[in-house]
């Protein structure tokens, strides 16, 4: 699916429709010392096997792509939940 580089949409900060630049959201690197990561590592240590089932095969063939919109006036950035698609192209 082709998505334009700039779209005119509602900005919650400006409270009006403005031009936004569109980019694709990419999750950052997970922090190994975060509380959840430490708890997860603690669950996995020792005897007793996994605490949850390991996902052997994926049920879905596509991922939900999240768009990152940035207002050109106030530089406010927010995410727009995308739809499932095989390929997303920003033009």
PDB file of N, CA and C in Angstrom:
ATOM      1  N   UNK A   1       0.841  -1.178   0.000  1.00  0.00           N
ATOM      2  CA  UNK A   1       0.000   0.000   0.000  1.00  0.00           C
ATOM      3  C   UNK A   1       0.884   1.238   0.000  1.00  0.00           C
ATOM      4  N   UNK A   2       0.525   2.202  -0.814  1.00  0.00           N
ATOM      5  CA  UNK A   2       1.275   3.445  -0.893  1.00  0.00           C
ATOM      6  C   UNK A   2       0.666   4.490   0.040  1.00  0.00           C
ATOM      7  N   UNK A   3       1.527   5.139   0.828  1.00  0.00           N
ATOM      8  CA  UNK A   3       1.094   6.194   1.751  1.00  0.00           C
ATOM      9  C   UNK A   3       1.885   7.448   1.399  1.00  0.00           C
ATOM     10  N   UNK A   4       1.220   8.622   1.298  1.00  0.00           N
ATOM     11  CA  UNK A   4       1.962   9.847   0.983  1.00  0.00           C
ATOM     12  C   UNK A   4       2.875  10.281   2.121  1.00  0.00           C
ATOM     13  N   UNK A   5       3.948  11.018   1.776  1.00  0.00           N
ATOM     14  CA  UNK A   5       4.900  11.499   2.781  1.00  0.00           C
ATOM     15  C   UNK A   5       4.259  12.505   3.719  1.00  0.00           C
ATOM     16  N   UNK A   6       3.332  13.294   3.195  1.00  0.00           N
ATOM     17  CA  UNK A   6       2.654  14.315   3.995  1.00  0.00           C
ATOM     18  C   UNK A   6       1.149  14.167   3.818  1.00  0.00           C
ATOM     19  N   UNK A   7       0.437  14.218   4.957  1.00  0.00           N
ATOM     20  CA  UNK A   7      -1.022  14.168   4.896  1.00  0.00           C
ATOM     21  C   UNK A   7      -1.600  15.292   5.749  1.00  0.00           C
ATOM     22  N   UNK A   8      -2.800  15.729   5.377  1.00  0.00           N
ATOM     23  CA  UNK A   8      -3.500  16.761   6.136  1.00  0.00           C
ATOM     24  C   UNK A   8      -4.472  16.064   7.068  1.00  0.00           C
ATOM     25  N   UNK A   9      -4.204  16.138   8.372  1.00  0.00           N
ATOM     26  CA  UNK A   9      -5.061  15.458   9.338  1.00  0.00           C
ATOM     27  C   UNK A   9      -5.109  16.243  10.640  1.00  0.00           C
ATOM     28  N   UNK A  10      -5.952  15.792  11.567  1.00  0.00           N
ATOM     29  CA  UNK A  10      -6.196  16.511  12.812  1.00  0.00           C
ATOM     30  C   UNK A  10      -5.005  16.407  13.754  1.00  0.00           C
ATOM     31  N   UNK A  11      -4.592  17.562  14.311  1.00  0.00           N
ATOM     32  CA  UNK A  11      -3.528  17.586  15.322  1.00  0.00           C
ATOM     33  C   UNK A  11      -4.181  17.844  16.677  1.00  0.00           C
ATOM     34  N   UNK A  12      -4.028  16.916  17.651  1.00  0.00           N
ATOM     35  CA  UNK A  12      -4.662  17.104  18.956  1.00  0.00           C
ATOM     36  C   UNK A  12      -4.094  18.284  19.743  1.00  0.00           C
ATOM     37  N   UNK A  13      -2.869  18.693  19.451  1.00  0.00           N
ATOM     38  CA  UNK A  13      -2.260  19.809  20.178  1.00  0.00           C
ATOM     39  C   UNK A  13      -2.720  21.151  19.602  1.00  0.00           C
ATOM     40  N   UNK A  14      -2.707  21.259  18.277  1.00  0.00           N
ATOM     41  CA  UNK A  14      -3.166  22.498  17.620  1.00  0.00           C
ATOM     42  C   UNK A  14      -4.696  22.595  17.633  1.00  0.00           C
ATOM     43  N   UNK A  15      -5.370  21.465  17.816  1.00  0.00           N
ATOM     44  CA  UNK A  15      -6.835  21.354  17.789  1.00  0.00           C
ATOM     45  C   UNK A  15      -7.413  21.817  16.449  1.00  0.00           C
ATOM     46  N   UNK A  16      -6.680  21.524  15.377  1.00  0.00           N
ATOM     47  CA  UNK A  16      -7.150  21.845  14.032  1.00  0.00           C
ATOM     48  C   UNK A  16      -6.460  20.915  13.042  1.00  0.00           C
ATOM     49  N   UNK A  17      -6.925  20.906  11.818  1.00  0.00           N
ATOM     50  CA  UNK A  17      -6.293  20.088  10.788  1.00  0.00           C
ATOM     51  C   UNK A  17      -5.051  20.787  10.263  1.00  0.00           C
ATOM     52  N   UNK A  18      -3.926  20.080  10.283  1.00  0.00           N
ATOM     53  CA  UNK A  18      -2.669  20.630   9.779  1.00  0.00           C
ATOM     54  C   UNK A  18      -1.960  19.567   8.940  1.00  0.00           C
ATOM     55  N   UNK A  19      -0.889  19.969   8.290  1.00  0.00           N
ATOM     56  CA  UNK A  19      -0.091  19.039   7.488  1.00  0.00           C
ATOM     57  C   UNK A  19       0.830  18.259   8.423  1.00  0.00           C
ATOM     58  N   UNK A  20       0.867  16.945   8.239  1.00  0.00           N
ATOM     59  CA  UNK A  20       1.714  16.062   9.046  1.00  0.00           C
ATOM     60  C   UNK A  20       2.664  15.289   8.137  1.00  0.00           C
ATOM     61  N   UNK A  21       3.886  15.084   8.615  1.00  0.00           N
ATOM     62  CA  UNK A  21       4.804  14.203   7.896  1.00  0.00           C
ATOM     63  C   UNK A  21       4.596  12.787   8.416  1.00  0.00           C
ATOM     64  N   UNK A  22       4.636  11.838   7.514  1.00  0.00           N
ATOM     65  CA  UNK A  22       4.356  10.444   7.851  1.00  0.00           C
ATOM     66  C   UNK A  22       5.649   9.643   7.818  1.00  0.00           C
ATOM     67  N   UNK A  23       5.874   8.853   8.874  1.00  0.00           N
ATOM     68  CA  UNK A  23       6.992   7.914   8.879  1.00  0.00           C
ATOM     69  C   UNK A  23       6.519   6.622   9.525  1.00  0.00           C
ATOM     70  N   UNK A  24       7.308   5.592   9.405  1.00  0.00           N
ATOM     71  CA  UNK A  24       6.942   4.284   9.939  1.00  0.00           C
ATOM     72  C   UNK A  24       7.523   4.131  11.333  1.00  0.00           C
ATOM     73  N   UNK A  25       6.709   3.697  12.289  1.00  0.00           N
ATOM     74  CA  UNK A  25       7.168   3.510  13.672  1.00  0.00           C
ATOM     75  C   UNK A  25       7.990   2.240  13.772  1.00  0.00           C
ATOM     76  N   UNK A  26       9.127   2.350  14.451  1.00  0.00           N
ATOM     77  CA  UNK A  26       9.966   1.184  14.687  1.00  0.00           C
ATOM     78  C   UNK A  26      10.268   1.147  16.178  1.00  0.00           C
ATOM     79  N   UNK A  27      10.017   0.004  16.804  1.00  0.00           N
ATOM     80  CA  UNK A  27      10.232  -0.129  18.243  1.00  0.00           C
ATOM     81  C   UNK A  27      11.713  -0.032  18.557  1.00  0.00           C
ATOM     82  N   UNK A  28      12.041   0.626  19.672  1.00  0.00           N
ATOM     83  CA  UNK A  28      13.429   0.782  20.077  1.00  0.00           C
ATOM     84  C   UNK A  28      13.972  -0.479  20.717  1.00  0.00           C
ATOM     85  N   UNK A  29      15.239  -0.421  21.092  1.00  0.00           N
ATOM     86  CA  UNK A  29      15.888  -1.573  21.710  1.00  0.00           C
ATOM     87  C   UNK A  29      15.344  -1.752  23.128  1.00  0.00           C
ATOM     88  N   UNK A  30      15.057  -3.007  23.509  1.00  0.00           N
ATOM     89  CA  UNK A  30      14.543  -3.290  24.843  1.00  0.00           C
ATOM     90  C   UNK A  30      15.654  -3.134  25.869  1.00  0.00           C
ATOM     91  N   UNK A  31      15.297  -2.600  27.056  1.00  0.00           N
ATOM     92  CA  UNK A  31      16.283  -2.399  28.107  1.00  0.00           C
ATOM     93  C   UNK A  31      16.393  -3.665  28.948  1.00  0.00           C
ATOM     94  N   UNK A  32      17.585  -4.191  29.050  1.00  0.00           N
ATOM     95  CA  UNK A  32      17.801  -5.448  29.767  1.00  0.00           C
ATOM     96  C   UNK A  32      17.626  -5.288  31.275  1.00  0.00           C
ATOM     97  N   UNK A  33      17.777  -4.059  31.794  1.00  0.00           N
ATOM     98  CA  UNK A  33      17.685  -3.850  33.233  1.00  0.00           C
ATOM     99  C   UNK A  33      16.320  -3.321  33.682  1.00  0.00           C
ATOM    100  N   UNK A  34      15.338  -3.299  32.774  1.00  0.00           N
ATOM    101  CA  UNK A  34      13.988  -2.884  33.153  1.00  0.00           C
ATOM    102  C   UNK A  34      13.385  -3.941  34.073  1.00  0.00           C
ATOM    103  N   UNK A  35      12.476  -3.519  34.949  1.00  0.00           N
ATOM    104  CA  UNK A  35      11.913  -4.424  35.960  1.00  0.00           C
ATOM    105  C   UNK A  35      11.233  -5.633  35.322  1.00  0.00           C
ATOM    106  N   UNK A  36      10.495  -5.414  34.257  1.00  0.00           N
ATOM    107  CA  UNK A  36       9.798  -6.516  33.583  1.00  0.00           C
ATOM    108  C   UNK A  36      10.754  -7.515  32.968  1.00  0.00           C
ATOM    109  N   UNK A  37      11.822  -7.019  32.386  1.00  0.00           N
ATOM    110  CA  UNK A  37      12.827  -7.900  31.773  1.00  0.00           C
ATOM    111  C   UNK A  37      13.515  -8.746  32.841  1.00  0.00           C
ATOM    112  N   UNK A  38      13.799  -8.137  33.991  1.00  0.00           N
ATOM    113  CA  UNK A  38      14.450  -8.868  35.079  1.00  0.00           C
ATOM    114  C   UNK A  38      13.522  -9.943  35.638  1.00  0.00           C
ATOM    115  N   UNK A  39      12.238  -9.607  35.787  1.00  0.00           N
ATOM    116  CA  UNK A  39      11.262 -10.566  36.303  1.00  0.00           C
ATOM    117  C   UNK A  39      11.108 -11.731  35.331  1.00  0.00           C
ATOM    118  N   UNK A  40      11.106 -11.428  34.048  1.00  0.00           N
ATOM    119  CA  UNK A  40      10.979 -12.453  33.012  1.00  0.00           C
ATOM    120  C   UNK A  40      12.188 -13.391  33.045  1.00  0.00           C
ATOM    121  N   UNK A  41      13.381 -12.834  33.191  1.00  0.00           N
ATOM    122  CA  UNK A  41      14.604 -13.643  33.255  1.00  0.00           C
ATOM    123  C   UNK A  41      14.597 -14.524  34.506  1.00  0.00           C
ATOM    124  N   UNK A  42      14.066 -13.968  35.605  1.00  0.00           N
ATOM    125  CA  UNK A  42      14.002 -14.722  36.862  1.00  0.00           C
ATOM    126  C   UNK A  42      13.040 -15.908  36.737  1.00  0.00           C
ATOM    127  N   UNK A  43      11.932 -15.715  36.011  1.00  0.00           N
ATOM    128  CA  UNK A  43      10.961 -16.792  35.796  1.00  0.00           C
ATOM    129  C   UNK A  43      11.563 -17.939  34.995  1.00  0.00           C
ATOM    130  N   UNK A  44      12.441 -17.603  34.083  1.00  0.00           N
ATOM    131  CA  UNK A  44      12.982 -18.615  33.168  1.00  0.00           C
ATOM    132  C   UNK A  44      14.128 -19.429  33.767  1.00  0.00           C
ATOM    133  N   UNK A  45      14.724 -18.940  34.867  1.00  0.00           N
ATOM    134  CA  UNK A  45      15.875 -19.640  35.430  1.00  0.00           C
ATOM    135  C   UNK A  45      15.433 -20.853  36.255  1.00  0.00           C
ATOM    136  N   UNK A  46      16.353 -21.761  36.496  1.00  0.00           N
ATOM    137  CA  UNK A  46      16.094 -22.910  37.362  1.00  0.00           C
ATOM    138  C   UNK A  46      15.298 -23.999  36.665  1.00  0.00           C
ATOM    139  N   UNK A  47      14.758 -24.909  37.483  1.00  0.00           N
ATOM    140  CA  UNK A  47      13.999 -26.040  36.956  1.00  0.00           C
ATOM    141  C   UNK A  47      12.536 -25.664  36.838  1.00  0.00           C
ATOM    142  N   UNK A  48      11.810 -26.481  36.115  1.00  0.00           N
ATOM    143  CA  UNK A  48      10.359 -26.276  36.026  1.00  0.00           C
ATOM    144  C   UNK A  48       9.873 -25.866  34.652  1.00  0.00           C
ATOM    145  N   UNK A  49      10.764 -25.733  33.697  1.00  0.00           N
ATOM    146  CA  UNK A  49      10.341 -25.444  32.324  1.00  0.00           C
ATOM    147  C   UNK A  49       9.841 -24.021  32.146  1.00  0.00           C
ATOM    148  N   UNK A  50       9.237 -23.783  30.994  1.00  0.00           N
ATOM    149  CA  UNK A  50       8.730 -22.455  30.653  1.00  0.00           C
ATOM    150  C   UNK A  50       7.475 -22.144  31.445  1.00  0.00           C
ATOM    151  N   UNK A  51       7.270 -20.880  31.771  1.00  0.00           N
ATOM    152  CA  UNK A  51       6.070 -20.444  32.480  1.00  0.00           C
ATOM    153  C   UNK A  51       4.942 -20.104  31.509  1.00  0.00           C
ATOM    154  N   UNK A  52       5.238 -20.133  30.238  1.00  0.00           N
ATOM    155  CA  UNK A  52       4.248 -19.811  29.208  1.00  0.00           C
ATOM    156  C   UNK A  52       4.607 -20.613  27.968  1.00  0.00           C
ATOM    157  N   UNK A  53       3.664 -20.880  27.086  1.00  0.00           N
ATOM    158  CA  UNK A  53       3.984 -21.674  25.901  1.00  0.00           C
ATOM    159  C   UNK A  53       4.836 -20.882  24.900  1.00  0.00           C
ATOM    160  N   UNK A  54       5.865 -21.510  24.370  1.00  0.00           N
ATOM    161  CA  UNK A  54       6.677 -20.875  23.335  1.00  0.00           C
ATOM    162  C   UNK A  54       5.913 -20.918  22.028  1.00  0.00           C
ATOM    163  N   UNK A  55       5.920 -19.814  21.280  1.00  0.00           N
ATOM    164  CA  UNK A  55       5.205 -19.766  20.019  1.00  0.00           C
ATOM    165  C   UNK A  55       6.041 -20.443  18.945  1.00  0.00           C
ATOM    166  N   UNK A  56       5.580 -21.567  18.482  1.00  0.00           N
ATOM    167  CA  UNK A  56       6.343 -22.354  17.511  1.00  0.00           C
ATOM    168  C   UNK A  56       6.135 -21.853  16.091  1.00  0.00           C
ATOM    169  N   UNK A  57       4.897 -21.564  15.738  1.00  0.00           N
ATOM    170  CA  UNK A  57       4.642 -21.063  14.388  1.00  0.00           C
ATOM    171  C   UNK A  57       3.673 -19.889  14.464  1.00  0.00           C
ATOM    172  N   UNK A  58       3.822 -18.960  13.547  1.00  0.00           N
ATOM    173  CA  UNK A  58       3.001 -17.764  13.564  1.00  0.00           C
ATOM    174  C   UNK A  58       1.667 -18.016  12.880  1.00  0.00           C
ATOM    175  N   UNK A  59       0.604 -17.506  13.491  1.00  0.00           N
ATOM    176  CA  UNK A  59      -0.729 -17.655  12.924  1.00  0.00           C
ATOM    177  C   UNK A  59      -0.985 -16.578  11.874  1.00  0.00           C
ATOM    178  N   UNK A  60      -0.343 -15.436  12.046  1.00  0.00           N
ATOM    179  CA  UNK A  60      -0.584 -14.311  11.141  1.00  0.00           C
ATOM    180  C   UNK A  60       0.475 -14.285  10.035  1.00  0.00           C
ATOM    181  N   UNK A  61       0.061 -13.798   8.870  1.00  0.00           N
ATOM    182  CA  UNK A  61       0.992 -13.687   7.749  1.00  0.00           C
ATOM    183  C   UNK A  61       1.489 -12.257   7.580  1.00  0.00           C
ATOM    184  N   UNK A  62       0.826 -11.303   8.256  1.00  0.00           N
ATOM    185  CA  UNK A  62       1.219  -9.897   8.136  1.00  0.00           C
ATOM    186  C   UNK A  62       1.323  -9.265   9.513  1.00  0.00           C
ATOM    187  N   UNK A  63       1.954  -8.092   9.576  1.00  0.00           N
ATOM    188  CA  UNK A  63       2.045  -7.331  10.819  1.00  0.00           C
ATOM    189  C   UNK A  63       1.212  -6.068  10.672  1.00  0.00           C
ATOM    190  N   UNK A  64       0.774  -5.549  11.810  1.00  0.00           N
ATOM    191  CA  UNK A  64       0.079  -4.263  11.788  1.00  0.00           C
ATOM    192  C   UNK A  64       1.137  -3.171  11.785  1.00  0.00           C
ATOM    193  N   UNK A  65       1.156  -2.362  10.759  1.00  0.00           N
ATOM    194  CA  UNK A  65       2.134  -1.279  10.645  1.00  0.00           C
ATOM    195  C   UNK A  65       1.581  -0.042  11.340  1.00  0.00           C
ATOM    196  N   UNK A  66       2.377   0.570  12.202  1.00  0.00           N
ATOM    197  CA  UNK A  66       1.977   1.780  12.917  1.00  0.00           C
ATOM    198  C   UNK A  66       2.618   2.988  12.257  1.00  0.00           C
ATOM    199  N   UNK A  67       1.805   4.002  11.956  1.00  0.00           N
ATOM    200  CA  UNK A  67       2.310   5.226  11.337  1.00  0.00           C
ATOM    201  C   UNK A  67       2.630   6.248  12.422  1.00  0.00           C
ATOM    202  N   UNK A  68       3.722   6.978  12.231  1.00  0.00           N
ATOM    203  CA  UNK A  68       4.126   8.024  13.155  1.00  0.00           C
ATOM    204  C   UNK A  68       3.884   9.362  12.460  1.00  0.00           C
ATOM    205  N   UNK A  69       2.956  10.139  13.002  1.00  0.00           N
ATOM    206  CA  UNK A  69       2.602  11.419  12.392  1.00  0.00           C
ATOM    207  C   UNK A  69       3.217  12.563  13.183  1.00  0.00           C
ATOM    208  N   UNK A  70       3.838  13.500  12.464  1.00  0.00           N
ATOM    209  CA  UNK A  70       4.464  14.651  13.103  1.00  0.00           C
ATOM    210  C   UNK A  70       3.894  15.921  12.489  1.00  0.00           C
ATOM    211  N   UNK A  71       3.314  16.765  13.357  1.00  0.00           N
ATOM    212  CA  UNK A  71       2.713  18.025  12.909  1.00  0.00           C
ATOM    213  C   UNK A  71       3.816  18.978  12.458  1.00  0.00           C
ATOM    214  N   UNK A  72       3.595  19.633  11.330  1.00  0.00           N
ATOM    215  CA  UNK A  72       4.613  20.547  10.797  1.00  0.00           C
ATOM    216  C   UNK A  72       4.609  21.894  11.521  1.00  0.00           C
ATOM    217  N   UNK A  73       3.489  22.230  12.191  1.00  0.00           N
ATOM    218  CA  UNK A  73       3.424  23.518  12.892  1.00  0.00           C
ATOM    219  C   UNK A  73       4.037  23.435  14.287  1.00  0.00           C
ATOM    220  N   UNK A  74       3.581  22.462  15.080  1.00  0.00           N
ATOM    221  CA  UNK A  74       4.007  22.415  16.483  1.00  0.00           C
ATOM    222  C   UNK A  74       4.965  21.253  16.777  1.00  0.00           C
ATOM    223  N   UNK A  75       5.286  20.439  15.762  1.00  0.00           N
ATOM    224  CA  UNK A  75       6.183  19.278  15.895  1.00  0.00           C
ATOM    225  C   UNK A  75       5.668  18.217  16.865  1.00  0.00           C
ATOM    226  N   UNK A  76       4.362  18.224  17.157  1.00  0.00           N
ATOM    227  CA  UNK A  76       3.767  17.198  18.021  1.00  0.00           C
ATOM    228  C   UNK A  76       3.731  15.882  17.254  1.00  0.00           C
ATOM    229  N   UNK A  77       4.139  14.824  17.933  1.00  0.00           N
ATOM    230  CA  UNK A  77       4.224  13.538  17.270  1.00  0.00           C
ATOM    231  C   UNK A  77       3.277  12.552  17.946  1.00  0.00           C
ATOM    232  N   UNK A  78       2.531  11.819  17.158  1.00  0.00           N
ATOM    233  CA  UNK A  78       1.666  10.786  17.722  1.00  0.00           C
ATOM    234  C   UNK A  78       1.558   9.625  16.750  1.00  0.00           C
ATOM    235  N   UNK A  79       1.103   8.491  17.271  1.00  0.00           N
ATOM    236  CA  UNK A  79       1.020   7.271  16.476  1.00  0.00           C
ATOM    237  C   UNK A  79      -0.409   7.031  16.019  1.00  0.00           C
ATOM    238  N   UNK A  80      -0.521   6.489  14.835  1.00  0.00           N
ATOM    239  CA  UNK A  80      -1.818   6.108  14.303  1.00  0.00           C
ATOM    240  C   UNK A  80      -1.753   4.616  14.032  1.00  0.00           C
ATOM    241  N   UNK A  81      -2.622   3.854  14.696  1.00  0.00           N
ATOM    242  CA  UNK A  81      -2.611   2.402  14.510  1.00  0.00           C
ATOM    243  C   UNK A  81      -2.944   2.073  13.075  1.00  0.00           C
ATOM    244  N   UNK A  82      -2.066   1.301  12.475  1.00  0.00           N
ATOM    245  CA  UNK A  82      -2.237   0.961  11.076  1.00  0.00           C
ATOM    246  C   UNK A  82      -3.114  -0.255  10.889  1.00  0.00           C
ATOM    247  N   UNK A  83      -3.228  -0.655   9.640  1.00  0.00           N
ATOM    248  CA  UNK A  83      -3.991  -1.845   9.294  1.00  0.00           C
ATOM    249  C   UNK A  83      -3.014  -2.928   8.877  1.00  0.00           C
ATOM    250  N   UNK A  84      -3.503  -4.142   8.805  1.00  0.00           N
ATOM    251  CA  UNK A  84      -2.649  -5.242   8.395  1.00  0.00           C
ATOM    252  C   UNK A  84      -2.356  -5.131   6.901  1.00  0.00           C
ATOM    253  N   UNK A  85      -1.066  -5.090   6.569  1.00  0.00           N
ATOM    254  CA  UNK A  85      -0.694  -5.130   5.151  1.00  0.00           C
ATOM    255  C   UNK A  85       0.640  -5.820   4.970  1.00  0.00           C
ATOM    256  N   UNK A  86       0.820  -6.369   3.793  1.00  0.00           N
ATOM    257  CA  UNK A  86       2.063  -7.073   3.499  1.00  0.00           C
ATOM    258  C   UNK A  86       3.221  -6.095   3.322  1.00  0.00           C
ATOM    259  N   UNK A  87       2.954  -5.002   2.592  1.00  0.00           N
ATOM    260  CA  UNK A  87       4.021  -4.067   2.309  1.00  0.00           C
ATOM    261  C   UNK A  87       3.489  -2.640   2.386  1.00  0.00           C
ATOM    262  N   UNK A  88       4.209  -1.782   3.115  1.00  0.00           N
ATOM    263  CA  UNK A  88       3.840  -0.375   3.234  1.00  0.00           C
ATOM    264  C   UNK A  88       4.934   0.457   2.605  1.00  0.00           C
ATOM    265  N   UNK A  89       4.546   1.352   1.706  1.00  0.00           N
ATOM    266  CA  UNK A  89       5.532   2.184   1.015  1.00  0.00           C
ATOM    267  C   UNK A  89       5.157   3.650   1.208  1.00  0.00           C
ATOM    268  N   UNK A  90       6.083   4.432   1.776  1.00  0.00           N
ATOM    269  CA  UNK A  90       5.840   5.858   1.964  1.00  0.00           C
ATOM    270  C   UNK A  90       6.444   6.607   0.783  1.00  0.00           C
ATOM    271  N   UNK A  91       5.564   7.323   0.056  1.00  0.00           N
ATOM    272  CA  UNK A  91       6.007   8.011  -1.158  1.00  0.00           C
ATOM    273  C   UNK A  91       6.003   9.506  -0.958  1.00  0.00           C
TER     274      UNK A  91
END
